[in-house]
Amino acid sequence: MTPVQIETYVDAAAAALGLRLRPNHRAGVVRYFALAAEFAAVVEAVPLEPHDEPAVNFSPVAPREKEQ
């Protein structure tokens, strides 16, 4: 998405949800949405085959400390 598309989307989504964005918050919301759009583009770039299925359960684990 282009910066103009992101700003337009954020404004339209806020209006549709009845949210009033304060002027001093709008820039942060737009920045966060742009970041989320970048993440979505990375996920969408992964090709999926018909036999691919979602994981049944995701269990996060704590990162391991580097061994010295």
N, C-alpha and C. Protein backbone atom coordinates (compact mmCIF):
# COMPACT_ATOMS: atom_id res chain seq x y z
N MET A 1 0.84 -1.18 0.00
CA MET A 1 0.00 0.00 0.00
C MET A 1 0.89 1.24 0.00
N THR A 2 0.43 2.25 -0.69
CA THR A 2 1.17 3.51 -0.71
C THR A 2 0.83 4.29 0.56
N PRO A 3 1.66 5.27 0.92
CA PRO A 3 1.34 6.09 2.09
C PRO A 3 -0.04 6.76 1.99
N VAL A 4 -0.40 7.20 0.82
CA VAL A 4 -1.72 7.85 0.65
C VAL A 4 -2.84 6.82 0.86
N GLN A 5 -2.66 5.61 0.33
CA GLN A 5 -3.67 4.56 0.54
C GLN A 5 -3.80 4.21 2.01
N ILE A 6 -2.70 4.16 2.71
CA ILE A 6 -2.73 3.84 4.14
C ILE A 6 -3.47 4.91 4.91
N GLU A 7 -3.16 6.17 4.66
CA GLU A 7 -3.84 7.26 5.35
C GLU A 7 -5.33 7.26 5.04
N THR A 8 -5.67 7.02 3.78
CA THR A 8 -7.08 6.98 3.38
C THR A 8 -7.79 5.83 4.09
N TYR A 9 -7.15 4.67 4.14
CA TYR A 9 -7.75 3.52 4.80
C TYR A 9 -7.95 3.78 6.29
N VAL A 10 -6.94 4.30 6.96
CA VAL A 10 -7.04 4.57 8.39
C VAL A 10 -8.19 5.55 8.66
N ASP A 11 -8.29 6.60 7.87
CA ASP A 11 -9.37 7.57 8.06
C ASP A 11 -10.74 6.94 7.81
N ALA A 12 -10.85 6.12 6.75
CA ALA A 12 -12.13 5.49 6.42
C ALA A 12 -12.52 4.45 7.48
N ALA A 13 -11.55 3.67 7.94
CA ALA A 13 -11.83 2.65 8.96
C ALA A 13 -12.25 3.31 10.27
N ALA A 14 -11.57 4.37 10.65
CA ALA A 14 -11.94 5.08 11.88
C ALA A 14 -13.35 5.64 11.77
N ALA A 15 -13.68 6.22 10.64
CA ALA A 15 -15.02 6.77 10.43
C ALA A 15 -16.07 5.66 10.46
N ALA A 16 -15.78 4.54 9.80
CA ALA A 16 -16.74 3.43 9.76
C ALA A 16 -16.99 2.85 11.15
N LEU A 17 -15.98 2.88 11.99
CA LEU A 17 -16.10 2.34 13.35
C LEU A 17 -16.57 3.39 14.36
N GLY A 18 -16.71 4.61 13.90
CA GLY A 18 -17.13 5.69 14.80
C GLY A 18 -16.04 6.11 15.77
N LEU A 19 -14.80 5.93 15.36
CA LEU A 19 -13.67 6.32 16.21
C LEU A 19 -13.17 7.69 15.80
N ARG A 20 -12.97 8.53 16.78
CA ARG A 20 -12.38 9.83 16.49
C ARG A 20 -10.91 9.79 16.86
N LEU A 21 -10.05 9.88 15.85
CA LEU A 21 -8.62 9.89 16.12
C LEU A 21 -8.18 11.31 16.46
N ARG A 22 -7.54 11.45 17.58
CA ARG A 22 -6.99 12.76 17.93
C ARG A 22 -5.86 13.07 16.96
N PRO A 23 -5.72 14.32 16.59
CA PRO A 23 -4.65 14.69 15.64
C PRO A 23 -3.26 14.24 16.11
N ASN A 24 -3.00 14.29 17.40
CA ASN A 24 -1.68 13.89 17.89
C ASN A 24 -1.52 12.36 17.95
N HIS A 25 -2.60 11.60 17.77
CA HIS A 25 -2.53 10.14 17.75
C HIS A 25 -2.53 9.59 16.32
N ARG A 26 -3.07 10.35 15.39
CA ARG A 26 -3.25 9.87 14.01
C ARG A 26 -1.95 9.42 13.38
N ALA A 27 -0.89 10.17 13.54
CA ALA A 27 0.40 9.81 12.93
C ALA A 27 0.88 8.45 13.43
N GLY A 28 0.72 8.17 14.71
CA GLY A 28 1.12 6.89 15.26
C GLY A 28 0.27 5.75 14.74
N VAL A 29 -1.02 5.99 14.60
CA VAL A 29 -1.92 4.95 14.06
C VAL A 29 -1.55 4.65 12.62
N VAL A 30 -1.29 5.68 11.84
CA VAL A 30 -0.90 5.49 10.44
C VAL A 30 0.43 4.74 10.36
N ARG A 31 1.38 5.09 11.21
CA ARG A 31 2.68 4.42 11.23
C ARG A 31 2.52 2.94 11.59
N TYR A 32 1.70 2.64 12.60
CA TYR A 32 1.49 1.26 13.01
C TYR A 32 0.80 0.47 11.90
N PHE A 33 -0.20 1.07 11.25
CA PHE A 33 -0.90 0.37 10.17
C PHE A 33 0.06 0.09 9.02
N ALA A 34 0.95 1.02 8.72
CA ALA A 34 1.94 0.80 7.66
C ALA A 34 2.84 -0.38 8.02
N LEU A 35 3.23 -0.49 9.27
CA LEU A 35 4.05 -1.61 9.72
C LEU A 35 3.27 -2.92 9.59
N ALA A 36 2.00 -2.91 10.00
CA ALA A 36 1.17 -4.11 9.88
C ALA A 36 1.00 -4.50 8.42
N ALA A 37 0.87 -3.52 7.54
CA ALA A 37 0.74 -3.80 6.10
C ALA A 37 2.01 -4.44 5.56
N GLU A 38 3.17 -4.02 6.05
CA GLU A 38 4.44 -4.64 5.64
C GLU A 38 4.50 -6.09 6.10
N PHE A 39 4.07 -6.37 7.33
CA PHE A 39 4.04 -7.74 7.83
C PHE A 39 3.10 -8.59 6.98
N ALA A 40 1.94 -8.04 6.66
CA ALA A 40 0.97 -8.78 5.85
C ALA A 40 1.54 -9.11 4.47
N ALA A 41 2.28 -8.19 3.90
CA ALA A 41 2.87 -8.42 2.58
C ALA A 41 3.88 -9.57 2.64
N VAL A 42 4.63 -9.67 3.73
CA VAL A 42 5.59 -10.77 3.89
C VAL A 42 4.85 -12.10 3.98
N VAL A 43 3.79 -12.14 4.76
CA VAL A 43 3.01 -13.37 4.92
C VAL A 43 2.35 -13.76 3.59
N GLU A 44 1.79 -12.78 2.91
CA GLU A 44 1.11 -13.06 1.64
C GLU A 44 2.08 -13.50 0.54
N ALA A 45 3.36 -13.21 0.70
CA ALA A 45 4.35 -13.57 -0.31
C ALA A 45 4.72 -15.06 -0.27
N VAL A 46 4.32 -15.74 0.80
CA VAL A 46 4.64 -17.17 0.92
C VAL A 46 3.62 -17.96 0.10
N PRO A 47 4.11 -18.69 -0.90
CA PRO A 47 3.17 -19.46 -1.72
C PRO A 47 2.61 -20.65 -0.93
N LEU A 48 1.32 -20.89 -1.07
CA LEU A 48 0.68 -22.03 -0.42
C LEU A 48 0.15 -22.98 -1.48
N GLU A 49 0.24 -24.24 -1.19
CA GLU A 49 -0.26 -25.28 -2.08
C GLU A 49 -1.58 -25.78 -1.53
N PRO A 50 -2.39 -26.43 -2.35
CA PRO A 50 -3.67 -26.95 -1.87
C PRO A 50 -3.55 -27.89 -0.66
N HIS A 51 -2.43 -28.59 -0.55
CA HIS A 51 -2.27 -29.53 0.57
C HIS A 51 -1.77 -28.87 1.85
N ASP A 52 -1.40 -27.60 1.81
CA ASP A 52 -0.94 -26.90 3.01
C ASP A 52 -2.12 -26.65 3.94
N GLU A 53 -1.90 -26.90 5.23
CA GLU A 53 -2.95 -26.69 6.22
C GLU A 53 -2.40 -25.86 7.36
N PRO A 54 -3.27 -25.12 8.05
CA PRO A 54 -2.80 -24.35 9.19
C PRO A 54 -2.39 -25.27 10.35
N ALA A 55 -1.54 -24.76 11.19
CA ALA A 55 -1.13 -25.53 12.36
C ALA A 55 -2.32 -25.68 13.30
N VAL A 56 -2.36 -26.82 13.99
CA VAL A 56 -3.45 -27.07 14.92
C VAL A 56 -3.29 -26.18 16.16
N ASN A 57 -2.05 -26.01 16.60
CA ASN A 57 -1.81 -25.27 17.82
C ASN A 57 -0.44 -24.58 17.71
N PHE A 58 -0.40 -23.33 18.13
CA PHE A 58 0.87 -22.62 18.18
C PHE A 58 1.25 -22.45 19.64
N SER A 59 2.41 -22.95 20.02
CA SER A 59 2.89 -22.83 21.39
C SER A 59 4.23 -22.10 21.37
N PRO A 60 4.23 -20.82 21.71
CA PRO A 60 5.49 -20.08 21.70
C PRO A 60 6.41 -20.57 22.83
N VAL A 61 7.68 -20.46 22.59
CA VAL A 61 8.66 -20.84 23.59
C VAL A 61 9.60 -19.65 23.80
N ALA A 62 10.19 -19.62 24.96
CA ALA A 62 11.12 -18.53 25.27
C ALA A 62 12.40 -18.73 24.45
N PRO A 63 12.99 -17.63 23.98
CA PRO A 63 14.23 -17.76 23.22
C PRO A 63 15.35 -18.30 24.11
N ARG A 64 16.22 -19.09 23.52
CA ARG A 64 17.34 -19.63 24.25
C ARG A 64 18.45 -18.60 24.30
N GLU A 65 19.19 -18.63 25.38
CA GLU A 65 20.35 -17.74 25.47
C GLU A 65 21.48 -18.36 24.66
N LYS A 66 22.30 -17.50 24.08
CA LYS A 66 23.41 -17.98 23.28
C LYS A 66 24.42 -18.71 24.16
N GLU A 67 24.87 -19.86 23.64
CA GLU A 67 25.90 -20.61 24.35
C GLU A 67 27.26 -20.00 24.02
N GLN A 68 28.12 -19.97 25.00
CA GLN A 68 29.43 -19.37 24.77
C GLN A 68 30.48 -20.43 24.59
